Amino acid sequence: MSLYDKYGGSGTVQTLVQKFYNRIQNDKELERFFKGIDFKKLIDHQVQFVSQVLGGPIKYKGQSMAYAHKDLKISKYDFDLVANHFLSVLKELKVEEADIKVIMEQLAGLAPDIITVK
């Protein structure tokens, strides 16, 4: 069984992504990355992406991570802030530790495509 199915499928992914972006929008350190962003579109893309990461039937159809983040000047610190928000939501939704480890490892693998500032 996929993590997508294990944790409730589409409804859970929608909740996870919404809670994640609520945290992001309230983080003063990250607000500069999201000025003028269409959050509805961003959330739709993130739902696709998270669904795919969790092994669901929905496939991400957005830009590559490298292309989408290339001009944003994201540091490792910024990446870690975002990852920690995601981690907090996974814990809030009571995702098991072993599954959190798998998910966070997949997200950590994206760091080279997202971090553009040393």
PDB file of N, CA and C in Angstrom:
ATOM      1  N   MET A   1       0.841  -1.178   0.000  1.00  0.00           N
ATOM      2  CA  MET A   1       0.000   0.000   0.000  1.00  0.00           C
ATOM      3  C   MET A   1       0.894   1.253   0.000  1.00  0.00           C
ATOM      4  N   SER A   2       0.539   2.213  -0.807  1.00  0.00           N
ATOM      5  CA  SER A   2       1.316   3.451  -0.888  1.00  0.00           C
ATOM      6  C   SER A   2       1.044   4.322   0.345  1.00  0.00           C
ATOM      7  N   LEU A   3       1.933   5.253   0.597  1.00  0.00           N
ATOM      8  CA  LEU A   3       1.718   6.213   1.679  1.00  0.00           C
ATOM      9  C   LEU A   3       0.488   7.071   1.386  1.00  0.00           C
ATOM     10  N   TYR A   4       0.252   7.340   0.132  1.00  0.00           N
ATOM     11  CA  TYR A   4      -0.922   8.098  -0.303  1.00  0.00           C
ATOM     12  C   TYR A   4      -2.188   7.404   0.199  1.00  0.00           C
ATOM     13  N   ASP A   5      -2.294   6.108  -0.047  1.00  0.00           N
ATOM     14  CA  ASP A   5      -3.469   5.350   0.394  1.00  0.00           C
ATOM     15  C   ASP A   5      -3.485   5.173   1.913  1.00  0.00           C
ATOM     16  N   LYS A   6      -2.340   4.895   2.478  1.00  0.00           N
ATOM     17  CA  LYS A   6      -2.242   4.654   3.923  1.00  0.00           C
ATOM     18  C   LYS A   6      -2.779   5.818   4.738  1.00  0.00           C
ATOM     19  N   TYR A   7      -2.528   7.040   4.265  1.00  0.00           N
ATOM     20  CA  TYR A   7      -2.916   8.222   5.032  1.00  0.00           C
ATOM     21  C   TYR A   7      -4.174   8.921   4.515  1.00  0.00           C
ATOM     22  N   GLY A   8      -4.935   8.272   3.668  1.00  0.00           N
ATOM     23  CA  GLY A   8      -6.246   8.822   3.327  1.00  0.00           C
ATOM     24  C   GLY A   8      -6.377   9.465   1.968  1.00  0.00           C
ATOM     25  N   GLY A   9      -5.359   9.367   1.143  1.00  0.00           N
ATOM     26  CA  GLY A   9      -5.470   9.819  -0.239  1.00  0.00           C
ATOM     27  C   GLY A   9      -5.618  11.316  -0.403  1.00  0.00           C
ATOM     28  N   SER A  10      -6.437  11.677  -1.354  1.00  0.00           N
ATOM     29  CA  SER A  10      -6.586  13.055  -1.808  1.00  0.00           C
ATOM     30  C   SER A  10      -6.946  14.024  -0.680  1.00  0.00           C
ATOM     31  N   GLY A  11      -7.876  13.639   0.166  1.00  0.00           N
ATOM     32  CA  GLY A  11      -8.297  14.534   1.242  1.00  0.00           C
ATOM     33  C   GLY A  11      -7.166  14.882   2.189  1.00  0.00           C
ATOM     34  N   THR A  12      -6.369  13.892   2.524  1.00  0.00           N
ATOM     35  CA  THR A  12      -5.246  14.129   3.425  1.00  0.00           C
ATOM     36  C   THR A  12      -4.180  14.979   2.750  1.00  0.00           C
ATOM     37  N   VAL A  13      -3.920  14.709   1.487  1.00  0.00           N
ATOM     38  CA  VAL A  13      -2.922  15.517   0.760  1.00  0.00           C
ATOM     39  C   VAL A  13      -3.381  16.968   0.699  1.00  0.00           C
ATOM     40  N   GLN A  14      -4.650  17.188   0.408  1.00  0.00           N
ATOM     41  CA  GLN A  14      -5.182  18.561   0.367  1.00  0.00           C
ATOM     42  C   GLN A  14      -4.983  19.248   1.720  1.00  0.00           C
ATOM     43  N   THR A  15      -5.309  18.551   2.799  1.00  0.00           N
ATOM     44  CA  THR A  15      -5.153  19.103   4.145  1.00  0.00           C
ATOM     45  C   THR A  15      -3.691  19.401   4.445  1.00  0.00           C
ATOM     46  N   LEU A  16      -2.820  18.456   4.131  1.00  0.00           N
ATOM     47  CA  LEU A  16      -1.391  18.622   4.377  1.00  0.00           C
ATOM     48  C   LEU A  16      -0.865  19.865   3.663  1.00  0.00           C
ATOM     49  N   VAL A  17      -1.184  19.990   2.387  1.00  0.00           N
ATOM     50  CA  VAL A  17      -0.670  21.109   1.593  1.00  0.00           C
ATOM     51  C   VAL A  17      -1.248  22.432   2.091  1.00  0.00           C
ATOM     52  N   GLN A  18      -2.533  22.458   2.431  1.00  0.00           N
ATOM     53  CA  GLN A  18      -3.139  23.694   2.926  1.00  0.00           C
ATOM     54  C   GLN A  18      -2.496  24.126   4.242  1.00  0.00           C
ATOM     55  N   LYS A  19      -2.321  23.189   5.159  1.00  0.00           N
ATOM     56  CA  LYS A  19      -1.685  23.506   6.439  1.00  0.00           C
ATOM     57  C   LYS A  19      -0.238  23.970   6.230  1.00  0.00           C
ATOM     58  N   PHE A  20       0.452  23.311   5.324  1.00  0.00           N
ATOM     59  CA  PHE A  20       1.831  23.676   4.998  1.00  0.00           C
ATOM     60  C   PHE A  20       1.898  25.126   4.507  1.00  0.00           C
ATOM     61  N   TYR A  21       1.041  25.479   3.560  1.00  0.00           N
ATOM     62  CA  TYR A  21       1.091  26.840   3.025  1.00  0.00           C
ATOM     63  C   TYR A  21       0.562  27.866   4.010  1.00  0.00           C
ATOM     64  N   ASN A  22      -0.315  27.484   4.917  1.00  0.00           N
ATOM     65  CA  ASN A  22      -0.716  28.413   5.976  1.00  0.00           C
ATOM     66  C   ASN A  22       0.504  28.776   6.816  1.00  0.00           C
ATOM     67  N   ARG A  23       1.330  27.786   7.115  1.00  0.00           N
ATOM     68  CA  ARG A  23       2.551  28.041   7.895  1.00  0.00           C
ATOM     69  C   ARG A  23       3.528  28.910   7.098  1.00  0.00           C
ATOM     70  N   ILE A  24       3.698  28.571   5.835  1.00  0.00           N
ATOM     71  CA  ILE A  24       4.612  29.333   4.969  1.00  0.00           C
ATOM     72  C   ILE A  24       4.184  30.801   4.899  1.00  0.00           C
ATOM     73  N   GLN A  25       2.899  31.025   4.699  1.00  0.00           N
ATOM     74  CA  GLN A  25       2.401  32.395   4.561  1.00  0.00           C
ATOM     75  C   GLN A  25       2.561  33.207   5.846  1.00  0.00           C
ATOM     76  N   ASN A  26       2.683  32.547   6.971  1.00  0.00           N
ATOM     77  CA  ASN A  26       2.840  33.240   8.243  1.00  0.00           C
ATOM     78  C   ASN A  26       4.289  33.314   8.717  1.00  0.00           C
ATOM     79  N   ASP A  27       5.213  32.888   7.885  1.00  0.00           N
ATOM     80  CA  ASP A  27       6.632  32.916   8.243  1.00  0.00           C
ATOM     81  C   ASP A  27       7.280  34.150   7.611  1.00  0.00           C
ATOM     82  N   LYS A  28       7.603  35.106   8.455  1.00  0.00           N
ATOM     83  CA  LYS A  28       8.175  36.377   7.969  1.00  0.00           C
ATOM     84  C   LYS A  28       9.496  36.175   7.232  1.00  0.00           C
ATOM     85  N   GLU A  29      10.250  35.146   7.600  1.00  0.00           N
ATOM     86  CA  GLU A  29      11.535  34.900   6.941  1.00  0.00           C
ATOM     87  C   GLU A  29      11.358  34.392   5.512  1.00  0.00           C
ATOM     88  N   LEU A  30      10.202  33.855   5.201  1.00  0.00           N
ATOM     89  CA  LEU A  30       9.974  33.287   3.866  1.00  0.00           C
ATOM     90  C   LEU A  30       9.104  34.157   2.968  1.00  0.00           C
ATOM     91  N   GLU A  31       8.519  35.192   3.507  1.00  0.00           N
ATOM     92  CA  GLU A  31       7.538  35.952   2.742  1.00  0.00           C
ATOM     93  C   GLU A  31       8.102  36.539   1.448  1.00  0.00           C
ATOM     94  N   ARG A  32       9.394  36.843   1.431  1.00  0.00           N
ATOM     95  CA  ARG A  32       9.977  37.441   0.217  1.00  0.00           C
ATOM     96  C   ARG A  32       9.904  36.506  -0.986  1.00  0.00           C
ATOM     97  N   PHE A  33       9.832  35.208  -0.753  1.00  0.00           N
ATOM     98  CA  PHE A  33       9.764  34.251  -1.852  1.00  0.00           C
ATOM     99  C   PHE A  33       8.362  34.133  -2.442  1.00  0.00           C
ATOM    100  N   PHE A  34       7.376  34.666  -1.745  1.00  0.00           N
ATOM    101  CA  PHE A  34       6.001  34.421  -2.142  1.00  0.00           C
ATOM    102  C   PHE A  34       5.213  35.678  -2.481  1.00  0.00           C
ATOM    103  N   LYS A  35       5.888  36.811  -2.580  1.00  0.00           N
ATOM    104  CA  LYS A  35       5.208  38.051  -2.963  1.00  0.00           C
ATOM    105  C   LYS A  35       4.700  37.913  -4.402  1.00  0.00           C
ATOM    106  N   GLY A  36       3.441  38.230  -4.577  1.00  0.00           N
ATOM    107  CA  GLY A  36       2.847  38.190  -5.910  1.00  0.00           C
ATOM    108  C   GLY A  36       2.557  36.790  -6.432  1.00  0.00           C
ATOM    109  N   ILE A  37       2.679  35.799  -5.585  1.00  0.00           N
ATOM    110  CA  ILE A  37       2.461  34.409  -6.001  1.00  0.00           C
ATOM    111  C   ILE A  37       0.972  34.092  -5.984  1.00  0.00           C
ATOM    112  N   ASP A  38       0.525  33.381  -6.980  1.00  0.00           N
ATOM    113  CA  ASP A  38      -0.847  32.873  -7.040  1.00  0.00           C
ATOM    114  C   ASP A  38      -0.886  31.605  -6.196  1.00  0.00           C
ATOM    115  N   PHE A  39      -1.323  31.750  -4.940  1.00  0.00           N
ATOM    116  CA  PHE A  39      -1.288  30.607  -4.021  1.00  0.00           C
ATOM    117  C   PHE A  39      -2.214  29.481  -4.457  1.00  0.00           C
ATOM    118  N   LYS A  40      -3.318  29.803  -5.105  1.00  0.00           N
ATOM    119  CA  LYS A  40      -4.204  28.732  -5.566  1.00  0.00           C
ATOM    120  C   LYS A  40      -3.470  27.843  -6.567  1.00  0.00           C
ATOM    121  N   LYS A  41      -2.784  28.461  -7.502  1.00  0.00           N
ATOM    122  CA  LYS A  41      -2.020  27.702  -8.498  1.00  0.00           C
ATOM    123  C   LYS A  41      -0.879  26.931  -7.827  1.00  0.00           C
ATOM    124  N   LEU A  42      -0.190  27.592  -6.918  1.00  0.00           N
ATOM    125  CA  LEU A  42       0.923  26.957  -6.210  1.00  0.00           C
ATOM    126  C   LEU A  42       0.432  25.748  -5.410  1.00  0.00           C
ATOM    127  N   ILE A  43      -0.680  25.902  -4.724  1.00  0.00           N
ATOM    128  CA  ILE A  43      -1.243  24.807  -3.935  1.00  0.00           C
ATOM    129  C   ILE A  43      -1.660  23.665  -4.846  1.00  0.00           C
ATOM    130  N   ASP A  44      -2.268  23.978  -5.980  1.00  0.00           N
ATOM    131  CA  ASP A  44      -2.652  22.925  -6.940  1.00  0.00           C
ATOM    132  C   ASP A  44      -1.424  22.132  -7.382  1.00  0.00           C
ATOM    133  N   HIS A  45      -0.346  22.818  -7.706  1.00  0.00           N
ATOM    134  CA  HIS A  45       0.891  22.139  -8.123  1.00  0.00           C
ATOM    135  C   HIS A  45       1.467  21.313  -6.979  1.00  0.00           C
ATOM    136  N   GLN A  46       1.424  21.884  -5.769  1.00  0.00           N
ATOM    137  CA  GLN A  46       1.982  21.168  -4.622  1.00  0.00           C
ATOM    138  C   GLN A  46       1.166  19.919  -4.294  1.00  0.00           C
ATOM    139  N   VAL A  47      -0.142  19.989  -4.468  1.00  0.00           N
ATOM    140  CA  VAL A  47      -0.988  18.804  -4.253  1.00  0.00           C
ATOM    141  C   VAL A  47      -0.577  17.713  -5.239  1.00  0.00           C
ATOM    142  N   GLN A  48      -0.353  18.075  -6.487  1.00  0.00           N
ATOM    143  CA  GLN A  48       0.117  17.100  -7.482  1.00  0.00           C
ATOM    144  C   GLN A  48       1.449  16.504  -7.048  1.00  0.00           C
ATOM    145  N   PHE A  49       2.356  17.384  -6.658  1.00  0.00           N
ATOM    146  CA  PHE A  49       3.697  16.945  -6.302  1.00  0.00           C
ATOM    147  C   PHE A  49       3.687  16.016  -5.091  1.00  0.00           C
ATOM    148  N   VAL A  50       2.997  16.420  -4.027  1.00  0.00           N
ATOM    149  CA  VAL A  50       2.949  15.608  -2.806  1.00  0.00           C
ATOM    150  C   VAL A  50       2.243  14.285  -3.082  1.00  0.00           C
ATOM    151  N   SER A  51       1.203  14.324  -3.888  1.00  0.00           N
ATOM    152  CA  SER A  51       0.513  13.084  -4.256  1.00  0.00           C
ATOM    153  C   SER A  51       1.481  12.113  -4.921  1.00  0.00           C
ATOM    154  N   GLN A  52       2.280  12.623  -5.820  1.00  0.00           N
ATOM    155  CA  GLN A  52       3.255  11.780  -6.518  1.00  0.00           C
ATOM    156  C   GLN A  52       4.308  11.251  -5.536  1.00  0.00           C
ATOM    157  N   VAL A  53       4.813  12.117  -4.668  1.00  0.00           N
ATOM    158  CA  VAL A  53       5.825  11.708  -3.688  1.00  0.00           C
ATOM    159  C   VAL A  53       5.302  10.582  -2.798  1.00  0.00           C
ATOM    160  N   LEU A  54       4.009  10.652  -2.460  1.00  0.00           N
ATOM    161  CA  LEU A  54       3.408   9.649  -1.583  1.00  0.00           C
ATOM    162  C   LEU A  54       2.947   8.395  -2.326  1.00  0.00           C
ATOM    163  N   GLY A  55       3.189   8.361  -3.632  1.00  0.00           N
ATOM    164  CA  GLY A  55       2.840   7.172  -4.405  1.00  0.00           C
ATOM    165  C   GLY A  55       1.406   7.141  -4.886  1.00  0.00           C
ATOM    166  N   GLY A  56       0.769   8.306  -4.926  1.00  0.00           N
ATOM    167  CA  GLY A  56      -0.619   8.384  -5.371  1.00  0.00           C
ATOM    168  C   GLY A  56      -0.756   8.379  -6.879  1.00  0.00           C
ATOM    169  N   PRO A  57      -1.992   8.365  -7.342  1.00  0.00           N
ATOM    170  CA  PRO A  57      -2.246   8.282  -8.775  1.00  0.00           C
ATOM    171  C   PRO A  57      -2.067   9.608  -9.520  1.00  0.00           C
ATOM    172  N   ILE A  58      -1.992  10.705  -8.787  1.00  0.00           N
ATOM    173  CA  ILE A  58      -1.853  12.022  -9.406  1.00  0.00           C
ATOM    174  C   ILE A  58      -0.377  12.279  -9.666  1.00  0.00           C
ATOM    175  N   LYS A  59      -0.069  12.689 -10.868  1.00  0.00           N
ATOM    176  CA  LYS A  59       1.320  12.966 -11.240  1.00  0.00           C
ATOM    177  C   LYS A  59       1.548  14.468 -11.357  1.00  0.00           C
ATOM    178  N   TYR A  60       2.685  14.907 -10.899  1.00  0.00           N
ATOM    179  CA  TYR A  60       3.079  16.309 -10.973  1.00  0.00           C
ATOM    180  C   TYR A  60       3.336  16.687 -12.417  1.00  0.00           C
ATOM    181  N   LYS A  61       2.702  17.787 -12.852  1.00  0.00           N
ATOM    182  CA  LYS A  61       2.838  18.227 -14.240  1.00  0.00           C
ATOM    183  C   LYS A  61       3.449  19.623 -14.352  1.00  0.00           C
ATOM    184  N   GLY A  62       4.006  20.104 -13.253  1.00  0.00           N
ATOM    185  CA  GLY A  62       4.579  21.445 -13.261  1.00  0.00           C
ATOM    186  C   GLY A  62       5.995  21.464 -13.791  1.00  0.00           C
ATOM    187  N   GLN A  63       6.623  22.607 -13.638  1.00  0.00           N
ATOM    188  CA  GLN A  63       8.000  22.798 -14.079  1.00  0.00           C
ATOM    189  C   GLN A  63       8.937  21.930 -13.239  1.00  0.00           C
ATOM    190  N   SER A  64      10.110  21.698 -13.767  1.00  0.00           N
ATOM    191  CA  SER A  64      11.106  20.982 -12.974  1.00  0.00           C
ATOM    192  C   SER A  64      11.432  21.828 -11.742  1.00  0.00           C
ATOM    193  N   MET A  65      11.869  21.161 -10.689  1.00  0.00           N
ATOM    194  CA  MET A  65      12.212  21.888  -9.465  1.00  0.00           C
ATOM    195  C   MET A  65      13.331  22.893  -9.733  1.00  0.00           C
ATOM    196  N   ALA A  66      14.308  22.503 -10.514  1.00  0.00           N
ATOM    197  CA  ALA A  66      15.435  23.400 -10.816  1.00  0.00           C
ATOM    198  C   ALA A  66      14.942  24.642 -11.560  1.00  0.00           C
ATOM    199  N   TYR A  67      14.098  24.459 -12.547  1.00  0.00           N
ATOM    200  CA  TYR A  67      13.607  25.593 -13.320  1.00  0.00           C
ATOM    201  C   TYR A  67      12.702  26.498 -12.469  1.00  0.00           C
ATOM    202  N   ALA A  68      11.819  25.897 -11.693  1.00  0.00           N
ATOM    203  CA  ALA A  68      10.866  26.668 -10.896  1.00  0.00           C
ATOM    204  C   ALA A  68      11.546  27.520  -9.822  1.00  0.00           C
ATOM    205  N   HIS A  69      12.716  27.103  -9.377  1.00  0.00           N
ATOM    206  CA  HIS A  69      13.381  27.798  -8.275  1.00  0.00           C
ATOM    207  C   HIS A  69      14.651  28.543  -8.691  1.00  0.00           C
ATOM    208  N   LYS A  70      14.991  28.505  -9.964  1.00  0.00           N
ATOM    209  CA  LYS A  70      16.298  28.994 -10.426  1.00  0.00           C
ATOM    210  C   LYS A  70      16.594  30.456 -10.100  1.00  0.00           C
ATOM    211  N   ASP A  71      15.598  31.320 -10.079  1.00  0.00           N
ATOM    212  CA  ASP A  71      15.841  32.744  -9.861  1.00  0.00           C
ATOM    213  C   ASP A  71      15.499  33.217  -8.449  1.00  0.00           C
ATOM    214  N   LEU A  72      15.221  32.294  -7.549  1.00  0.00           N
ATOM    215  CA  LEU A  72      14.719  32.682  -6.232  1.00  0.00           C
ATOM    216  C   LEU A  72      15.794  32.904  -5.170  1.00  0.00           C
ATOM    217  N   LYS A  73      17.029  32.562  -5.462  1.00  0.00           N
ATOM    218  CA  LYS A  73      18.136  32.771  -4.523  1.00  0.00           C
ATOM    219  C   LYS A  73      17.829  32.130  -3.164  1.00  0.00           C
ATOM    220  N   ILE A  74      17.583  30.843  -3.201  1.00  0.00           N
ATOM    221  CA  ILE A  74      17.240  30.077  -2.003  1.00  0.00           C
ATOM    222  C   ILE A  74      18.514  29.487  -1.409  1.00  0.00           C
ATOM    223  N   SER A  75      18.693  29.737  -0.131  1.00  0.00           N
ATOM    224  CA  SER A  75      19.856  29.197   0.588  1.00  0.00           C
ATOM    225  C   SER A  75      19.468  27.880   1.269  1.00  0.00           C
ATOM    226  N   LYS A  76      20.461  27.194   1.796  1.00  0.00           N
ATOM    227  CA  LYS A  76      20.183  25.975   2.563  1.00  0.00           C
ATOM    228  C   LYS A  76      19.314  26.319   3.775  1.00  0.00           C
ATOM    229  N   TYR A  77      19.583  27.444   4.395  1.00  0.00           N
ATOM    230  CA  TYR A  77      18.778  27.893   5.534  1.00  0.00           C
ATOM    231  C   TYR A  77      17.304  28.026   5.132  1.00  0.00           C
ATOM    232  N   ASP A  78      17.045  28.672   3.997  1.00  0.00           N
ATOM    233  CA  ASP A  78      15.672  28.847   3.504  1.00  0.00           C
ATOM    234  C   ASP A  78      15.028  27.492   3.221  1.00  0.00           C
ATOM    235  N   PHE A  79      15.771  26.625   2.564  1.00  0.00           N
ATOM    236  CA  PHE A  79      15.282  25.282   2.249  1.00  0.00           C
ATOM    237  C   PHE A  79      14.907  24.548   3.531  1.00  0.00           C
ATOM    238  N   ASP A  80      15.773  24.642   4.534  1.00  0.00           N
ATOM    239  CA  ASP A  80      15.521  23.959   5.803  1.00  0.00           C
ATOM    240  C   ASP A  80      14.302  24.533   6.527  1.00  0.00           C
ATOM    241  N   LEU A  81      14.093  25.843   6.429  1.00  0.00           N
ATOM    242  CA  LEU A  81      12.895  26.450   7.025  1.00  0.00           C
ATOM    243  C   LEU A  81      11.635  25.833   6.426  1.00  0.00           C
ATOM    244  N   VAL A  82      11.611  25.751   5.112  1.00  0.00           N
ATOM    245  CA  VAL A  82      10.454  25.188   4.418  1.00  0.00           C
ATOM    246  C   VAL A  82      10.289  23.712   4.776  1.00  0.00           C
ATOM    247  N   ALA A  83      11.385  22.979   4.759  1.00  0.00           N
ATOM    248  CA  ALA A  83      11.334  21.549   5.097  1.00  0.00           C
ATOM    249  C   ALA A  83      10.816  21.346   6.519  1.00  0.00           C
ATOM    250  N   ASN A  84      11.212  22.200   7.440  1.00  0.00           N
ATOM    251  CA  ASN A  84      10.756  22.075   8.821  1.00  0.00           C
ATOM    252  C   ASN A  84       9.261  22.354   8.956  1.00  0.00           C
ATOM    253  N   HIS A  85       8.739  23.262   8.154  1.00  0.00           N
ATOM    254  CA  HIS A  85       7.285  23.482   8.150  1.00  0.00           C
ATOM    255  C   HIS A  85       6.572  22.221   7.656  1.00  0.00           C
ATOM    256  N   PHE A  86       7.115  21.626   6.609  1.00  0.00           N
ATOM    257  CA  PHE A  86       6.510  20.402   6.070  1.00  0.00           C
ATOM    258  C   PHE A  86       6.559  19.294   7.119  1.00  0.00           C
ATOM    259  N   LEU A  87       7.698  19.157   7.759  1.00  0.00           N
ATOM    260  CA  LEU A  87       7.868  18.160   8.807  1.00  0.00           C
ATOM    261  C   LEU A  87       6.868  18.376   9.943  1.00  0.00           C
ATOM    262  N   SER A  88       6.684  19.608  10.351  1.00  0.00           N
ATOM    263  CA  SER A  88       5.738  19.917  11.427  1.00  0.00           C
ATOM    264  C   SER A  88       4.321  19.499  11.065  1.00  0.00           C
ATOM    265  N   VAL A  89       3.934  19.725   9.821  1.00  0.00           N
ATOM    266  CA  VAL A  89       2.590  19.340   9.389  1.00  0.00           C
ATOM    267  C   VAL A  89       2.458  17.818   9.347  1.00  0.00           C
ATOM    268  N   LEU A  90       3.486  17.121   8.872  1.00  0.00           N
ATOM    269  CA  LEU A  90       3.437  15.657   8.881  1.00  0.00           C
ATOM    270  C   LEU A  90       3.231  15.143  10.307  1.00  0.00           C
ATOM    271  N   LYS A  91       3.934  15.723  11.250  1.00  0.00           N
ATOM    272  CA  LYS A  91       3.788  15.307  12.651  1.00  0.00           C
ATOM    273  C   LYS A  91       2.406  15.653  13.182  1.00  0.00           C
ATOM    274  N   GLU A  92       1.923  16.841  12.842  1.00  0.00           N
ATOM    275  CA  GLU A  92       0.584  17.261  13.272  1.00  0.00           C
ATOM    276  C   GLU A  92      -0.489  16.288  12.757  1.00  0.00           C
ATOM    277  N   LEU A  93      -0.284  15.783  11.556  1.00  0.00           N
ATOM    278  CA  LEU A  93      -1.245  14.842  10.951  1.00  0.00           C
ATOM    279  C   LEU A  93      -0.994  13.402  11.393  1.00  0.00           C
ATOM    280  N   LYS A  94      -0.065  13.249  12.328  1.00  0.00           N
ATOM    281  CA  LYS A  94       0.224  11.944  12.942  1.00  0.00           C
ATOM    282  C   LYS A  94       0.735  10.888  11.953  1.00  0.00           C
ATOM    283  N   VAL A  95       1.557  11.341  11.024  1.00  0.00           N
ATOM    284  CA  VAL A  95       2.243  10.422  10.124  1.00  0.00           C
ATOM    285  C   VAL A  95       3.301   9.692  10.952  1.00  0.00           C
ATOM    286  N   GLU A  96       3.410   8.406  10.762  1.00  0.00           N
ATOM    287  CA  GLU A  96       4.356   7.594  11.529  1.00  0.00           C
ATOM    288  C   GLU A  96       5.795   8.017  11.238  1.00  0.00           C
ATOM    289  N   GLU A  97       6.638   7.911  12.269  1.00  0.00           N
ATOM    290  CA  GLU A  97       8.040   8.343  12.158  1.00  0.00           C
ATOM    291  C   GLU A  97       8.768   7.688  10.979  1.00  0.00           C
ATOM    292  N   ALA A  98       8.577   6.400  10.776  1.00  0.00           N
ATOM    293  CA  ALA A  98       9.259   5.710   9.676  1.00  0.00           C
ATOM    294  C   ALA A  98       8.831   6.291   8.330  1.00  0.00           C
ATOM    295  N   ASP A  99       7.555   6.641   8.208  1.00  0.00           N
ATOM    296  CA  ASP A  99       7.053   7.222   6.962  1.00  0.00           C
ATOM    297  C   ASP A  99       7.540   8.656   6.793  1.00  0.00           C
ATOM    298  N   ILE A 100       7.614   9.381   7.900  1.00  0.00           N
ATOM    299  CA  ILE A 100       8.160  10.745   7.850  1.00  0.00           C
ATOM    300  C   ILE A 100       9.592  10.698   7.335  1.00  0.00           C
ATOM    301  N   LYS A 101      10.361   9.752   7.816  1.00  0.00           N
ATOM    302  CA  LYS A 101      11.757   9.626   7.383  1.00  0.00           C
ATOM    303  C   LYS A 101      11.841   9.415   5.871  1.00  0.00           C
ATOM    304  N   VAL A 102      11.005   8.548   5.333  1.00  0.00           N
ATOM    305  CA  VAL A 102      10.989   8.275   3.885  1.00  0.00           C
ATOM    306  C   VAL A 102      10.616   9.539   3.107  1.00  0.00           C
ATOM    307  N   ILE A 103       9.582  10.214   3.559  1.00  0.00           N
ATOM    308  CA  ILE A 103       9.107  11.423   2.863  1.00  0.00           C
ATOM    309  C   ILE A 103      10.171  12.514   2.915  1.00  0.00           C
ATOM    310  N   MET A 104      10.738  12.745   4.079  1.00  0.00           N
ATOM    311  CA  MET A 104      11.719  13.814   4.227  1.00  0.00           C
ATOM    312  C   MET A 104      12.999  13.511   3.452  1.00  0.00           C
ATOM    313  N   GLU A 105      13.372  12.254   3.342  1.00  0.00           N
ATOM    314  CA  GLU A 105      14.532  11.887   2.518  1.00  0.00           C
ATOM    315  C   GLU A 105      14.275  12.207   1.050  1.00  0.00           C
ATOM    316  N   GLN A 106      13.059  11.962   0.589  1.00  0.00           N
ATOM    317  CA  GLN A 106      12.725  12.294  -0.797  1.00  0.00           C
ATOM    318  C   GLN A 106      12.803  13.802  -1.018  1.00  0.00           C
ATOM    319  N   LEU A 107      12.279  14.551  -0.057  1.00  0.00           N
ATOM    320  CA  LEU A 107      12.326  16.010  -0.181  1.00  0.00           C
ATOM    321  C   LEU A 107      13.757  16.528  -0.093  1.00  0.00           C
ATOM    322  N   ALA A 108      14.562  15.939   0.780  1.00  0.00           N
ATOM    323  CA  ALA A 108      15.966  16.351   0.901  1.00  0.00           C
ATOM    324  C   ALA A 108      16.711  16.117  -0.413  1.00  0.00           C
ATOM    325  N   GLY A 109      16.308  15.110  -1.148  1.00  0.00           N
ATOM    326  CA  GLY A 109      16.930  14.833  -2.434  1.00  0.00           C
ATOM    327  C   GLY A 109      16.713  15.935  -3.462  1.00  0.00           C
ATOM    328  N   LEU A 110      15.749  16.805  -3.202  1.00  0.00           N
ATOM    329  CA  LEU A 110      15.471  17.918  -4.110  1.00  0.00           C
ATOM    330  C   LEU A 110      16.351  19.134  -3.839  1.00  0.00           C
ATOM    331  N   ALA A 111      17.038  19.132  -2.713  1.00  0.00           N
ATOM    332  CA  ALA A 111      17.837  20.292  -2.314  1.00  0.00           C
ATOM    333  C   ALA A 111      18.777  20.790  -3.421  1.00  0.00           C
ATOM    334  N   PRO A 112      19.510  19.924  -4.100  1.00  0.00           N
ATOM    335  CA  PRO A 112      20.418  20.440  -5.140  1.00  0.00           C
ATOM    336  C   PRO A 112      19.708  21.195  -6.270  1.00  0.00           C
ATOM    337  N   ASP A 113      18.437  20.868  -6.507  1.00  0.00           N
ATOM    338  CA  ASP A 113      17.684  21.567  -7.547  1.00  0.00           C
ATOM    339  C   ASP A 113      17.053  22.860  -7.056  1.00  0.00           C
ATOM    340  N   ILE A 114      16.911  23.000  -5.759  1.00  0.00           N
ATOM    341  CA  ILE A 114      16.196  24.143  -5.189  1.00  0.00           C
ATOM    342  C   ILE A 114      17.139  25.181  -4.586  1.00  0.00           C
ATOM    343  N   ILE A 115      18.203  24.736  -3.940  1.00  0.00           N
ATOM    344  CA  ILE A 115      19.158  25.666  -3.323  1.00  0.00           C
ATOM    345  C   ILE A 115      20.039  26.262  -4.420  1.00  0.00           C
ATOM    346  N   THR A 116      19.960  27.583  -4.528  1.00  0.00           N
ATOM    347  CA  THR A 116      20.702  28.263  -5.599  1.00  0.00           C
ATOM    348  C   THR A 116      21.752  29.236  -5.065  1.00  0.00           C
ATOM    349  N   VAL A 117      21.802  29.402  -3.736  1.00  0.00           N
ATOM    350  CA  VAL A 117      22.768  30.308  -3.118  1.00  0.00           C
ATOM    351  C   VAL A 117      23.575  29.511  -2.102  1.00  0.00           C
ATOM    352  N   LYS A 118      24.855  29.640  -2.170  1.00  0.00           N
ATOM    353  CA  LYS A 118      25.726  28.936  -1.217  1.00  0.00           C
ATOM    354  C   LYS A 118      25.939  29.755   0.024  1.00  0.00           C
TER     355      LYS A 118
END
